[in-house]
Amino acid sequence: MRAWLRLGIVVVVASTALELTQVPSALLFGGLLGALVYALLAPGRLAPRPLDAPRWVSLTGQGVVGTIVGASVDWGTFTSLGWSWPVVVAVSASTIVVSVLAGQLLRLHRGVTPVTAAFASIAGGASGMTALSRDLGADDRVVTVLQYLRVLVVLFSLPLVVGLVFHERGGAAAGGFVLGSGRDLLYCALAVGSGLLLGRVAHLPSPAILGPVVTAAVLHAVPGFSDAVVPTWVEGLGYLAIGVQVGLRFTLESLRSIARMLPTAAVSIALTMVTCAGLGLALAAATGTSRLDAYLATTPGGLYAVLATSTSTGGNVTFVTAVQLLRLLLVLLLAPTLARLLRRD
């Protein structure tokens, strides 16, 4: 209990500091930064052993984020994409190809196979790749560490890019603080609860987020919930849970294990991020969406931070979600075929 209290203090300090500096999605990044600092300093000092966020914390956080997305879904946006769908599919596939090719640089290190290099660097679906990698012939230890290293880089670069390049600021969601009513809380509870069940029963990719996206969007079609919203404080708790859960993964031991690969991994990540940003510009030009939305849509990972940032900057969350989830689905569907092809190399 004392360990969790200490973690909470570190997270509160980090979140407050980011909120005061008006960093977008301050609670998410505060949870991430606070948990990361704690995870690196705690063992032997602040706690007898590393902390691990309970499974329900992760599921609830993902469910809340999915509900936020589902509540903001405008079906007209999907239908209005029209001819843009081929472009969106082409750009999503291109981000996958680019990340896989950049990841092959890791083969410069002895013992890294083509499959491991690909799965350690493929854009999007970090948790999915971690779960699939061992069964598909990759070294799951390398895949896990490098996948979440890229997520870490994406997470910390997002507020800098959004603020310095796109000149967007703000900590709360675009609509301001919303306390919410009893009906809003019921809407959130139903969307998260039934969404998590749907994701599991239907075997959806990324079930803890896709399930609530679907149920929250469907519930909006029900007369009693047609104008229901996700209260700001519920959003904040959801983002905070995600940030803490991700931050606690980065222990000192796991970071040490990638020391020798770090320079190569950094080059691979940089190449992937720069190329994906270029694809984002192409996507913006082809579809007419804003450059910020296109950049967020093609960011190679950090789905929760991307959705939180899009929400807090008043972006087109539906468009960003559609492109990000389409790529996630392609990654999960193509992974077995990609592994078979690379094993022949």
Protein backbone atom coordinates (compact mmCIF):
# COMPACT_ATOMS: atom_id res chain seq x y z
CA MET A 1 0.00 0.00 0.00
CA ARG A 2 2.85 2.40 0.82
CA ALA A 3 4.43 1.70 -2.56
CA TRP A 4 1.20 2.65 -4.36
CA LEU A 5 0.94 5.79 -2.22
CA ARG A 6 4.47 6.81 -3.21
CA LEU A 7 3.69 6.11 -6.84
CA GLY A 8 0.55 8.24 -6.54
CA ILE A 9 2.54 11.16 -5.13
CA VAL A 10 5.07 11.04 -7.99
CA VAL A 11 2.27 10.81 -10.57
CA VAL A 12 0.34 13.72 -9.03
CA VAL A 13 3.45 15.92 -9.03
CA ALA A 14 4.23 15.08 -12.66
CA SER A 15 0.61 15.53 -13.80
CA THR A 16 0.25 18.85 -11.97
CA ALA A 17 3.46 20.18 -13.51
CA LEU A 18 2.33 19.23 -17.02
CA GLU A 19 -1.17 20.61 -16.40
CA LEU A 20 0.27 23.95 -15.30
CA THR A 21 2.38 24.13 -18.46
CA GLN A 22 -0.75 23.34 -20.52
CA VAL A 23 0.64 20.20 -22.14
CA PRO A 24 -2.10 18.43 -24.14
CA SER A 25 -3.35 15.26 -22.38
CA ALA A 26 -1.46 16.25 -19.24
CA LEU A 27 -2.91 13.44 -17.13
CA LEU A 28 -1.88 10.76 -19.60
CA PHE A 29 1.66 12.10 -19.94
CA GLY A 30 1.83 12.84 -16.22
CA GLY A 31 0.86 9.26 -15.41
CA LEU A 32 3.42 7.99 -17.89
CA LEU A 33 6.26 10.22 -16.69
CA GLY A 34 5.51 9.70 -13.00
CA ALA A 35 5.25 5.91 -13.33
CA LEU A 36 8.39 5.76 -15.45
CA VAL A 37 10.42 7.75 -12.91
CA TYR A 38 9.03 5.61 -10.10
CA ALA A 39 9.75 2.36 -11.96
CA LEU A 40 13.38 3.38 -12.45
CA LEU A 41 13.97 4.58 -8.89
CA ALA A 42 11.68 2.45 -6.74
CA PRO A 43 13.24 -1.05 -6.51
CA GLY A 44 15.35 -1.23 -3.38
CA ARG A 45 14.61 2.40 -2.48
CA LEU A 46 10.91 3.22 -2.49
CA ALA A 47 9.53 -0.32 -2.75
CA PRO A 48 10.83 -3.88 -2.17
CA ARG A 49 9.87 -4.95 -5.71
CA PRO A 50 8.63 -3.37 -8.96
CA LEU A 51 4.94 -2.54 -9.14
CA ASP A 52 2.69 -3.85 -11.87
CA ALA A 53 -0.66 -2.23 -12.59
CA PRO A 54 -3.54 -4.68 -12.02
CA ARG A 55 -5.17 -6.01 -15.17
CA TRP A 56 -8.45 -4.26 -14.37
CA VAL A 57 -6.68 -0.88 -14.34
CA SER A 58 -5.44 -1.40 -17.88
CA LEU A 59 -8.79 -2.73 -19.12
CA THR A 60 -10.74 0.10 -17.50
CA GLY A 61 -8.39 2.74 -18.89
CA GLN A 62 -8.63 1.30 -22.37
CA GLY A 63 -12.40 0.99 -22.02
CA VAL A 64 -12.72 4.65 -21.05
CA VAL A 65 -10.56 5.72 -24.00
CA GLY A 66 -12.68 3.57 -26.31
CA THR A 67 -15.83 5.15 -24.89
CA ILE A 68 -14.42 8.64 -25.48
CA VAL A 69 -13.79 7.74 -29.10
CA GLY A 70 -17.16 6.06 -29.56
CA ALA A 71 -18.97 9.02 -27.99
CA SER A 72 -17.33 11.35 -30.51
CA VAL A 73 -18.01 9.17 -33.56
CA ASP A 74 -19.84 10.98 -36.32
CA TRP A 75 -21.10 8.37 -38.77
CA GLY A 76 -21.22 11.06 -41.42
CA THR A 77 -17.44 11.30 -41.25
CA PHE A 78 -17.02 7.67 -42.21
CA THR A 79 -19.42 7.93 -45.13
CA SER A 80 -17.95 11.26 -46.23
CA LEU A 81 -14.52 9.64 -46.69
CA GLY A 82 -15.87 8.15 -49.91
CA TRP A 83 -13.07 8.08 -52.48
CA SER A 84 -10.50 8.78 -49.76
CA TRP A 85 -10.66 5.21 -48.48
CA PRO A 86 -8.21 3.87 -51.10
CA VAL A 87 -5.76 6.63 -50.11
CA VAL A 88 -6.21 5.87 -46.41
CA VAL A 89 -5.62 2.16 -47.00
CA ALA A 90 -2.55 2.88 -49.15
CA VAL A 91 -1.05 5.22 -46.54
CA SER A 92 -1.77 2.75 -43.71
CA ALA A 93 -0.10 -0.07 -45.64
CA SER A 94 2.84 2.21 -46.46
CA THR A 95 3.47 3.00 -42.78
CA ILE A 96 3.64 -0.75 -42.08
CA VAL A 97 6.09 -1.36 -44.95
CA VAL A 98 8.27 1.60 -43.93
CA SER A 99 8.51 0.49 -40.30
CA VAL A 100 9.33 -3.12 -41.23
CA LEU A 101 12.09 -2.02 -43.64
CA ALA A 102 13.55 0.44 -41.10
CA GLY A 103 13.52 -2.30 -38.49
CA GLN A 104 15.73 -4.53 -40.60
CA LEU A 105 18.63 -2.33 -39.45
CA LEU A 106 18.45 -4.27 -36.20
CA ARG A 107 19.83 -7.29 -38.06
CA LEU A 108 23.22 -5.61 -37.84
CA HIS A 109 23.28 -7.01 -34.29
CA ARG A 110 24.20 -10.67 -34.07
CA GLY A 111 21.34 -12.97 -33.18
CA VAL A 112 18.53 -10.69 -34.36
CA THR A 113 16.49 -12.58 -36.97
CA PRO A 114 14.46 -10.93 -39.77
CA VAL A 115 11.21 -11.85 -37.99
CA THR A 116 12.39 -10.39 -34.68
CA ALA A 117 13.58 -7.20 -36.40
CA ALA A 118 10.25 -6.80 -38.18
CA PHE A 119 8.04 -7.45 -35.17
CA ALA A 120 10.18 -5.26 -32.92
CA SER A 121 9.71 -2.28 -35.23
CA ILE A 122 6.38 -2.69 -37.02
CA ALA A 123 4.23 0.40 -36.48
CA GLY A 124 1.19 0.01 -34.27
CA GLY A 125 -0.15 -2.86 -32.20
CA ALA A 126 2.65 -3.05 -29.61
CA SER A 127 0.63 -5.28 -27.28
CA GLY A 128 -0.53 -7.43 -30.18
CA MET A 129 2.99 -7.92 -31.49
CA THR A 130 4.23 -8.76 -28.00
CA ALA A 131 1.54 -11.44 -27.67
CA LEU A 132 2.06 -12.90 -31.15
CA SER A 133 5.83 -12.70 -31.52
CA ARG A 134 6.89 -15.87 -29.71
CA ASP A 135 4.33 -18.06 -31.48
CA LEU A 136 5.43 -16.66 -34.84
CA GLY A 137 9.13 -17.30 -34.33
CA ALA A 138 10.42 -13.96 -32.99
CA ASP A 139 12.33 -13.25 -29.79
CA ASP A 140 9.53 -11.88 -27.63
CA ARG A 141 11.99 -10.23 -25.20
CA VAL A 142 13.52 -8.04 -27.91
CA VAL A 143 10.12 -7.39 -29.48
CA THR A 144 8.58 -6.28 -26.19
CA VAL A 145 11.38 -3.91 -25.19
CA LEU A 146 11.82 -2.25 -28.59
CA GLN A 147 8.10 -1.99 -29.32
CA TYR A 148 7.56 -0.10 -26.08
CA LEU A 149 10.70 1.93 -26.59
CA ARG A 150 9.14 3.26 -29.80
CA VAL A 151 5.88 3.88 -27.94
CA LEU A 152 7.84 5.80 -25.30
CA VAL A 153 9.53 7.96 -27.95
CA VAL A 154 6.19 8.63 -29.66
CA LEU A 155 4.49 9.50 -26.37
CA PHE A 156 7.12 12.01 -25.29
CA SER A 157 7.50 13.54 -28.76
CA LEU A 158 3.78 14.12 -29.24
CA PRO A 159 3.36 17.14 -26.96
CA LEU A 160 6.56 18.69 -28.37
CA VAL A 161 5.50 18.26 -32.00
CA VAL A 162 1.92 19.37 -31.33
CA GLY A 163 3.09 22.47 -29.46
CA LEU A 164 6.16 23.50 -31.46
CA VAL A 165 5.18 22.46 -34.99
CA PHE A 166 1.39 22.75 -34.99
CA HIS A 167 1.19 25.42 -32.24
CA GLU A 168 -1.62 23.65 -30.40
CA ARG A 169 -1.90 23.89 -26.63
CA GLY A 170 -4.32 22.87 -23.93
CA GLY A 171 -4.67 20.35 -21.15
CA ALA A 172 -8.41 19.69 -20.95
CA ALA A 173 -10.57 18.46 -23.73
CA ALA A 174 -11.61 20.96 -26.35
CA GLY A 175 -15.09 21.38 -24.90
CA GLY A 176 -13.90 22.51 -21.48
CA PHE A 177 -14.56 20.88 -18.12
CA VAL A 178 -17.72 18.76 -17.97
CA LEU A 179 -18.79 17.43 -14.58
CA GLY A 180 -21.40 15.09 -16.04
CA SER A 181 -24.78 13.86 -14.82
CA GLY A 182 -26.02 10.53 -13.52
CA ARG A 183 -27.12 9.65 -17.05
CA ASP A 184 -23.64 10.40 -18.37
CA LEU A 185 -22.08 8.13 -15.76
CA LEU A 186 -24.60 5.38 -16.63
CA TYR A 187 -23.72 5.81 -20.30
CA CYS A 188 -20.01 5.41 -19.52
CA ALA A 189 -20.60 2.38 -17.30
CA LEU A 190 -22.74 0.65 -19.92
CA ALA A 191 -20.36 1.48 -22.75
CA VAL A 192 -17.26 0.27 -20.90
CA GLY A 193 -18.86 -2.82 -19.35
CA SER A 194 -20.70 -4.07 -22.43
CA GLY A 195 -17.83 -3.00 -24.68
CA LEU A 196 -15.26 -5.07 -22.82
CA LEU A 197 -17.62 -8.05 -22.98
CA LEU A 198 -18.24 -7.54 -26.70
CA GLY A 199 -14.54 -7.24 -27.47
CA ARG A 200 -13.83 -10.50 -25.69
CA VAL A 201 -16.76 -12.51 -27.07
CA ALA A 202 -16.34 -11.25 -30.65
CA HIS A 203 -12.52 -11.68 -30.53
CA LEU A 204 -11.98 -8.15 -31.83
CA PRO A 205 -8.43 -6.88 -32.41
CA SER A 206 -7.49 -4.66 -29.47
CA PRO A 207 -10.78 -5.75 -27.80
CA ALA A 208 -10.58 -3.50 -24.75
CA ILE A 209 -10.71 -0.41 -26.93
CA LEU A 210 -12.62 -1.53 -30.03
CA GLY A 211 -15.46 -3.06 -28.02
CA PRO A 212 -16.25 0.17 -26.11
CA VAL A 213 -15.85 2.19 -29.33
CA VAL A 214 -18.66 0.13 -30.88
CA THR A 215 -20.97 0.08 -27.85
CA ALA A 216 -20.51 3.79 -27.09
CA ALA A 217 -21.32 4.69 -30.70
CA VAL A 218 -24.36 2.39 -30.74
CA LEU A 219 -25.64 3.72 -27.41
CA HIS A 220 -25.62 7.22 -28.91
CA ALA A 221 -28.34 6.01 -31.27
CA VAL A 222 -30.56 5.20 -28.27
CA PRO A 223 -32.89 8.18 -27.55
CA GLY A 224 -32.04 8.35 -23.85
CA PHE A 225 -28.31 8.57 -24.54
CA SER A 226 -28.29 10.55 -27.78
CA ASP A 227 -26.60 13.55 -26.18
CA ALA A 228 -24.72 11.77 -23.38
CA VAL A 229 -21.08 12.79 -22.86
CA VAL A 230 -18.03 11.41 -21.08
CA PRO A 231 -17.36 13.64 -18.03
CA THR A 232 -13.96 15.33 -18.07
CA TRP A 233 -12.90 13.75 -14.80
CA VAL A 234 -13.73 10.28 -16.17
CA GLU A 235 -11.61 11.04 -19.25
CA GLY A 236 -8.77 12.12 -16.99
CA LEU A 237 -8.89 8.96 -14.88
CA GLY A 238 -8.92 6.82 -18.03
CA TYR A 239 -5.90 8.58 -19.50
CA LEU A 240 -4.12 8.49 -16.15
CA ALA A 241 -4.63 4.71 -15.88
CA ILE A 242 -3.17 4.19 -19.36
CA GLY A 243 -0.18 6.40 -18.63
CA VAL A 244 0.65 4.64 -15.36
CA GLN A 245 0.22 1.20 -16.90
CA VAL A 246 2.63 1.99 -19.76
CA GLY A 247 5.14 3.83 -17.56
CA LEU A 248 5.48 0.96 -15.09
CA ARG A 249 6.61 -1.36 -17.90
CA PHE A 250 9.91 0.49 -18.28
CA THR A 251 12.09 -0.91 -15.52
CA LEU A 252 15.79 -0.18 -15.25
CA GLU A 253 16.58 -3.79 -16.12
CA SER A 254 14.56 -3.70 -19.35
CA LEU A 255 16.17 -0.44 -20.41
CA ARG A 256 19.65 -1.84 -19.74
CA SER A 257 18.89 -4.86 -21.91
CA ILE A 258 18.59 -2.68 -25.02
CA ALA A 259 21.72 -0.60 -24.37
CA ARG A 260 23.71 -2.21 -27.16
CA MET A 261 20.83 -1.93 -29.63
CA LEU A 262 19.89 1.60 -28.65
CA PRO A 263 21.81 3.52 -31.36
CA THR A 264 20.48 1.27 -34.12
CA ALA A 265 16.99 1.24 -32.66
CA ALA A 266 17.04 5.05 -32.41
CA VAL A 267 17.96 5.35 -36.11
CA SER A 268 15.22 2.89 -37.03
CA ILE A 269 12.62 4.73 -34.93
CA ALA A 270 13.68 8.12 -36.30
CA LEU A 271 13.46 6.90 -39.90
CA THR A 272 10.02 5.44 -39.24
CA MET A 273 8.68 8.56 -37.53
CA VAL A 274 10.02 10.98 -40.15
CA THR A 275 8.74 8.88 -43.05
CA CYS A 276 5.34 8.45 -41.39
CA ALA A 277 5.16 12.22 -40.90
CA GLY A 278 5.82 12.60 -44.62
CA LEU A 279 3.05 10.12 -45.37
CA GLY A 280 0.85 12.21 -43.08
CA LEU A 281 1.48 15.27 -45.24
CA ALA A 282 0.56 13.24 -48.31
CA LEU A 283 -2.60 12.03 -46.56
CA ALA A 284 -3.55 15.61 -45.66
CA ALA A 285 -3.06 16.75 -49.26
CA ALA A 286 -5.04 13.83 -50.69
CA THR A 287 -8.00 13.92 -48.28
CA GLY A 288 -8.22 17.61 -47.35
CA THR A 289 -7.94 16.92 -43.62
CA SER A 290 -5.75 19.13 -41.44
CA ARG A 291 -2.03 18.43 -41.22
CA LEU A 292 -2.30 17.86 -37.47
CA ASP A 293 -5.05 15.26 -37.92
CA ALA A 294 -3.06 13.56 -40.69
CA TYR A 295 0.10 13.56 -38.55
CA LEU A 296 -1.76 12.01 -35.61
CA ALA A 297 -3.41 9.47 -37.93
CA THR A 298 -0.05 8.24 -39.24
CA THR A 299 1.94 8.39 -35.98
CA PRO A 300 3.65 4.97 -35.63
CA GLY A 301 2.22 3.87 -32.31
CA GLY A 302 1.02 5.43 -29.08
CA LEU A 303 -2.66 4.95 -29.97
CA TYR A 304 -4.01 6.10 -26.61
CA ALA A 305 -1.85 9.22 -26.53
CA VAL A 306 -2.80 9.99 -30.13
CA LEU A 307 -6.51 9.76 -29.35
CA ALA A 308 -6.08 11.79 -26.17
CA THR A 309 -4.12 14.46 -28.04
CA SER A 310 -6.66 14.61 -30.86
CA THR A 311 -9.47 14.99 -28.33
CA SER A 312 -7.74 17.69 -26.29
CA THR A 313 -6.80 19.76 -29.37
CA GLY A 314 -10.29 19.58 -30.88
CA GLY A 315 -9.17 17.48 -33.83
CA ASN A 316 -11.13 15.09 -36.06
CA VAL A 317 -11.03 12.16 -33.64
CA THR A 318 -13.13 9.92 -35.90
CA PHE A 319 -10.75 10.32 -38.85
CA VAL A 320 -7.67 9.78 -36.69
CA THR A 321 -9.25 6.72 -35.08
CA ALA A 322 -10.30 5.25 -38.41
CA VAL A 323 -6.79 5.45 -39.88
CA GLN A 324 -5.04 4.24 -36.71
CA LEU A 325 -7.41 1.30 -36.18
CA LEU A 326 -7.30 0.35 -39.85
CA ARG A 327 -3.51 0.06 -39.61
CA LEU A 328 -3.82 -1.92 -36.37
CA LEU A 329 -6.19 -4.36 -38.07
CA LEU A 330 -3.85 -4.72 -41.06
CA VAL A 331 -0.89 -5.39 -38.74
CA LEU A 332 -2.71 -8.14 -36.84
CA LEU A 333 -4.08 -9.72 -40.01
CA LEU A 334 -0.78 -9.64 -41.92
CA ALA A 335 1.52 -10.70 -39.06
CA PRO A 336 1.35 -14.50 -39.68
CA THR A 337 1.96 -14.07 -43.43
CA LEU A 338 4.83 -11.64 -42.80
CA ALA A 339 6.47 -14.09 -40.39
CA ARG A 340 6.28 -16.92 -42.91
CA LEU A 341 7.82 -14.77 -45.65
CA LEU A 342 10.67 -13.52 -43.46
CA ARG A 343 11.50 -16.99 -42.15
CA ARG A 344 12.28 -17.96 -45.75
CA ASP A 345 14.85 -15.15 -45.96
